Amino acid sequence: MYLHLGSSVVIRQRDVVGIFDLDNTTSSRITRDFLTQAQRAGRVVTVGDDLPKSFLLCRDGAGETTVYLSQLSSATLLKRMESGGFTV
């Protein structure tokens, strides 16, 4: 199953480690430091041009992590996950 993050970005649901609300989680220094390190390492993908509302932490089969910044809310992404996403 796949999850549409917005714009033309689609990821495999099994790669999703977590979906996080950007406003709530960035109040923590630890989260801000993590996102800064991911940005410096080139592991952040911005989905769309709008202000991001959430981020997803994903790990592929090789164990590499990627952070996706999405303009969709964490609640919307969670509903999409729970509905089963879509198959190709």
N, C-alpha and C. Protein backbone atom coordinates (compact mmCIF):
# COMPACT_ATOMS: atom_id res chain seq x y z
N MET A 1 0.83 -1.18 0.00
CA MET A 1 0.00 0.00 0.00
C MET A 1 0.88 1.25 0.00
N TYR A 2 0.32 2.31 -0.54
CA TYR A 2 1.06 3.56 -0.68
C TYR A 2 0.29 4.70 -0.02
N LEU A 3 1.04 5.72 0.37
CA LEU A 3 0.47 6.89 1.02
C LEU A 3 0.84 8.12 0.22
N HIS A 4 -0.18 8.91 -0.16
CA HIS A 4 0.04 10.15 -0.91
C HIS A 4 0.26 11.28 0.09
N LEU A 5 1.41 11.94 0.01
CA LEU A 5 1.78 12.99 0.96
C LEU A 5 1.43 14.40 0.49
N GLY A 6 0.99 14.52 -0.73
CA GLY A 6 0.71 15.82 -1.31
C GLY A 6 1.56 16.00 -2.55
N SER A 7 1.21 17.02 -3.34
CA SER A 7 1.87 17.25 -4.63
C SER A 7 1.94 15.94 -5.40
N SER A 8 3.09 15.50 -5.79
CA SER A 8 3.19 14.24 -6.53
C SER A 8 4.05 13.23 -5.77
N VAL A 9 4.10 13.34 -4.46
CA VAL A 9 4.95 12.47 -3.65
C VAL A 9 4.12 11.34 -3.03
N VAL A 10 4.56 10.12 -3.30
CA VAL A 10 3.91 8.92 -2.79
C VAL A 10 4.99 8.04 -2.17
N ILE A 11 4.70 7.49 -0.99
CA ILE A 11 5.66 6.59 -0.33
C ILE A 11 4.96 5.30 0.05
N ARG A 12 5.75 4.27 0.32
CA ARG A 12 5.18 3.00 0.78
C ARG A 12 4.81 3.13 2.25
N GLN A 13 3.63 2.65 2.61
CA GLN A 13 3.17 2.74 4.00
C GLN A 13 4.08 1.99 4.95
N ARG A 14 4.62 0.88 4.50
CA ARG A 14 5.47 0.08 5.40
C ARG A 14 6.77 0.78 5.77
N ASP A 15 7.13 1.84 5.03
CA ASP A 15 8.34 2.59 5.32
C ASP A 15 8.12 3.66 6.39
N VAL A 16 6.86 3.96 6.72
CA VAL A 16 6.55 5.03 7.66
C VAL A 16 6.84 4.56 9.09
N VAL A 17 7.70 5.30 9.78
CA VAL A 17 8.01 5.04 11.18
C VAL A 17 7.08 5.86 12.07
N GLY A 18 6.81 7.11 11.66
CA GLY A 18 5.95 7.96 12.45
C GLY A 18 5.47 9.17 11.68
N ILE A 19 4.30 9.67 12.10
CA ILE A 19 3.72 10.89 11.55
C ILE A 19 3.61 11.87 12.70
N PHE A 20 4.15 13.08 12.52
CA PHE A 20 4.25 14.04 13.60
C PHE A 20 3.70 15.40 13.21
N ASP A 21 2.99 16.05 14.12
CA ASP A 21 2.50 17.40 13.93
C ASP A 21 3.67 18.36 14.13
N LEU A 22 3.93 19.17 13.17
CA LEU A 22 5.10 20.04 13.20
C LEU A 22 5.01 21.10 14.30
N ASP A 23 3.82 21.68 14.51
CA ASP A 23 3.68 22.71 15.55
C ASP A 23 3.92 22.15 16.94
N ASN A 24 3.37 20.98 17.24
CA ASN A 24 3.50 20.41 18.57
C ASN A 24 4.89 19.85 18.85
N THR A 25 5.50 19.22 17.88
CA THR A 25 6.77 18.54 18.13
C THR A 25 7.97 19.47 18.09
N THR A 26 7.88 20.57 17.35
CA THR A 26 9.05 21.45 17.26
C THR A 26 9.21 22.34 18.49
N SER A 27 8.32 22.21 19.45
CA SER A 27 8.53 22.93 20.71
C SER A 27 9.63 22.26 21.53
N SER A 28 9.97 21.02 21.18
CA SER A 28 11.04 20.29 21.86
C SER A 28 12.38 20.56 21.18
N ARG A 29 13.39 20.88 21.98
CA ARG A 29 14.72 21.13 21.45
C ARG A 29 15.28 19.88 20.77
N ILE A 30 14.98 18.72 21.31
CA ILE A 30 15.49 17.45 20.74
C ILE A 30 14.96 17.26 19.32
N THR A 31 13.68 17.53 19.12
CA THR A 31 13.09 17.39 17.79
C THR A 31 13.69 18.41 16.83
N ARG A 32 13.83 19.65 17.27
CA ARG A 32 14.43 20.67 16.41
C ARG A 32 15.86 20.29 16.03
N ASP A 33 16.63 19.77 16.98
CA ASP A 33 18.00 19.32 16.68
C ASP A 33 18.00 18.18 15.68
N PHE A 34 17.08 17.24 15.84
CA PHE A 34 16.98 16.11 14.92
C PHE A 34 16.68 16.59 13.50
N LEU A 35 15.71 17.49 13.37
CA LEU A 35 15.35 18.00 12.05
C LEU A 35 16.49 18.80 11.43
N THR A 36 17.21 19.54 12.24
CA THR A 36 18.37 20.29 11.74
C THR A 36 19.45 19.35 11.22
N GLN A 37 19.73 18.30 11.97
CA GLN A 37 20.74 17.32 11.54
C GLN A 37 20.30 16.60 10.26
N ALA A 38 19.03 16.26 10.17
CA ALA A 38 18.52 15.60 8.96
C ALA A 38 18.64 16.54 7.76
N GLN A 39 18.36 17.81 7.97
CA GLN A 39 18.48 18.80 6.88
C GLN A 39 19.93 18.90 6.42
N ARG A 40 20.86 18.98 7.35
CA ARG A 40 22.28 19.08 7.00
C ARG A 40 22.77 17.83 6.27
N ALA A 41 22.21 16.68 6.62
CA ALA A 41 22.61 15.43 5.98
C ALA A 41 21.92 15.21 4.64
N GLY A 42 21.03 16.11 4.26
CA GLY A 42 20.34 15.98 2.98
C GLY A 42 19.25 14.93 2.99
N ARG A 43 18.69 14.66 4.16
CA ARG A 43 17.67 13.62 4.28
C ARG A 43 16.26 14.19 4.45
N VAL A 44 16.06 15.47 4.12
CA VAL A 44 14.75 16.10 4.25
C VAL A 44 14.20 16.38 2.86
N VAL A 45 12.96 15.95 2.64
CA VAL A 45 12.26 16.18 1.38
C VAL A 45 11.05 17.05 1.68
N THR A 46 10.98 18.21 1.06
CA THR A 46 9.83 19.09 1.25
C THR A 46 8.80 18.79 0.18
N VAL A 47 7.59 18.48 0.62
CA VAL A 47 6.50 18.13 -0.29
C VAL A 47 5.65 19.38 -0.50
N GLY A 48 5.60 19.89 -1.70
CA GLY A 48 4.79 21.06 -2.00
C GLY A 48 5.48 22.37 -1.65
N ASP A 49 4.78 23.45 -1.95
CA ASP A 49 5.34 24.79 -1.74
C ASP A 49 4.75 25.50 -0.53
N ASP A 50 3.66 24.96 0.02
CA ASP A 50 3.00 25.60 1.16
C ASP A 50 3.77 25.34 2.44
N LEU A 51 3.41 26.08 3.47
CA LEU A 51 4.00 25.93 4.79
C LEU A 51 3.71 24.52 5.31
N PRO A 52 4.73 23.77 5.73
CA PRO A 52 4.48 22.40 6.20
C PRO A 52 3.74 22.38 7.53
N LYS A 53 2.84 21.38 7.67
CA LYS A 53 2.08 21.19 8.90
C LYS A 53 2.51 19.95 9.65
N SER A 54 3.16 19.02 8.94
CA SER A 54 3.54 17.76 9.58
C SER A 54 4.82 17.25 8.96
N PHE A 55 5.41 16.27 9.64
CA PHE A 55 6.54 15.58 9.04
C PHE A 55 6.42 14.09 9.29
N LEU A 56 6.95 13.32 8.37
CA LEU A 56 6.94 11.87 8.47
C LEU A 56 8.38 11.40 8.53
N LEU A 57 8.63 10.47 9.40
CA LEU A 57 9.93 9.82 9.47
C LEU A 57 9.77 8.47 8.79
N CYS A 58 10.58 8.22 7.78
CA CYS A 58 10.47 6.98 7.01
C CYS A 58 11.82 6.28 6.97
N ARG A 59 11.77 4.96 6.94
CA ARG A 59 12.98 4.15 6.83
C ARG A 59 12.76 3.15 5.71
N ASP A 60 13.69 3.14 4.76
CA ASP A 60 13.56 2.20 3.64
C ASP A 60 14.14 0.84 3.99
N GLY A 61 14.10 -0.10 3.07
CA GLY A 61 14.57 -1.46 3.30
C GLY A 61 16.05 -1.54 3.66
N ALA A 62 16.84 -0.55 3.23
CA ALA A 62 18.27 -0.53 3.52
C ALA A 62 18.58 0.12 4.87
N GLY A 63 17.52 0.61 5.55
CA GLY A 63 17.73 1.24 6.85
C GLY A 63 18.00 2.73 6.79
N GLU A 64 17.97 3.31 5.61
CA GLU A 64 18.19 4.76 5.46
C GLU A 64 16.93 5.51 5.87
N THR A 65 17.10 6.59 6.63
CA THR A 65 15.95 7.37 7.06
C THR A 65 15.80 8.63 6.22
N THR A 66 14.55 9.01 6.01
CA THR A 66 14.22 10.23 5.27
C THR A 66 13.10 10.93 6.03
N VAL A 67 13.17 12.25 6.09
CA VAL A 67 12.12 13.06 6.70
C VAL A 67 11.38 13.77 5.57
N TYR A 68 10.06 13.59 5.54
CA TYR A 68 9.21 14.26 4.56
C TYR A 68 8.43 15.35 5.27
N LEU A 69 8.54 16.60 4.80
CA LEU A 69 7.75 17.70 5.32
C LEU A 69 6.54 17.86 4.41
N SER A 70 5.34 17.74 4.99
CA SER A 70 4.11 17.77 4.19
C SER A 70 3.21 18.93 4.61
N GLN A 71 2.52 19.51 3.63
CA GLN A 71 1.57 20.57 3.91
C GLN A 71 0.25 20.01 4.43
N LEU A 72 0.10 18.70 4.43
CA LEU A 72 -1.10 18.06 4.98
C LEU A 72 -0.94 17.89 6.49
N SER A 73 -2.05 17.94 7.20
CA SER A 73 -1.98 17.78 8.65
C SER A 73 -1.70 16.33 9.02
N SER A 74 -1.18 16.13 10.21
CA SER A 74 -0.90 14.77 10.67
C SER A 74 -2.20 13.97 10.77
N ALA A 75 -3.31 14.62 11.13
CA ALA A 75 -4.61 13.93 11.21
C ALA A 75 -5.05 13.43 9.83
N THR A 76 -4.86 14.23 8.81
CA THR A 76 -5.22 13.82 7.45
C THR A 76 -4.37 12.65 6.99
N LEU A 77 -3.08 12.72 7.25
CA LEU A 77 -2.18 11.63 6.85
C LEU A 77 -2.51 10.35 7.61
N LEU A 78 -2.85 10.47 8.88
CA LEU A 78 -3.23 9.30 9.67
C LEU A 78 -4.50 8.67 9.11
N LYS A 79 -5.49 9.48 8.75
CA LYS A 79 -6.72 8.95 8.16
C LYS A 79 -6.43 8.22 6.86
N ARG A 80 -5.52 8.77 6.07
CA ARG A 80 -5.14 8.10 4.82
C ARG A 80 -4.47 6.75 5.09
N MET A 81 -3.64 6.71 6.13
CA MET A 81 -2.99 5.45 6.50
C MET A 81 -4.02 4.42 6.95
N GLU A 82 -4.95 4.86 7.80
CA GLU A 82 -5.94 3.95 8.36
C GLU A 82 -6.92 3.44 7.31
N SER A 83 -7.15 4.24 6.27
CA SER A 83 -8.07 3.82 5.22
C SER A 83 -7.43 2.81 4.28
N GLY A 84 -6.16 2.53 4.47
CA GLY A 84 -5.49 1.52 3.66
C GLY A 84 -4.69 2.08 2.51
N GLY A 85 -4.70 3.40 2.34
CA GLY A 85 -3.93 3.98 1.26
C GLY A 85 -4.44 3.51 -0.10
N PHE A 86 -3.55 3.31 -1.02
CA PHE A 86 -3.94 2.80 -2.32
C PHE A 86 -2.85 1.89 -2.86
N THR A 87 -3.23 1.05 -3.79
CA THR A 87 -2.27 0.15 -4.42
C THR A 87 -2.04 0.59 -5.85
N VAL A 88 -0.89 0.22 -6.36
CA VAL A 88 -0.55 0.57 -7.74
C VAL A 88 -0.60 -0.67 -8.59
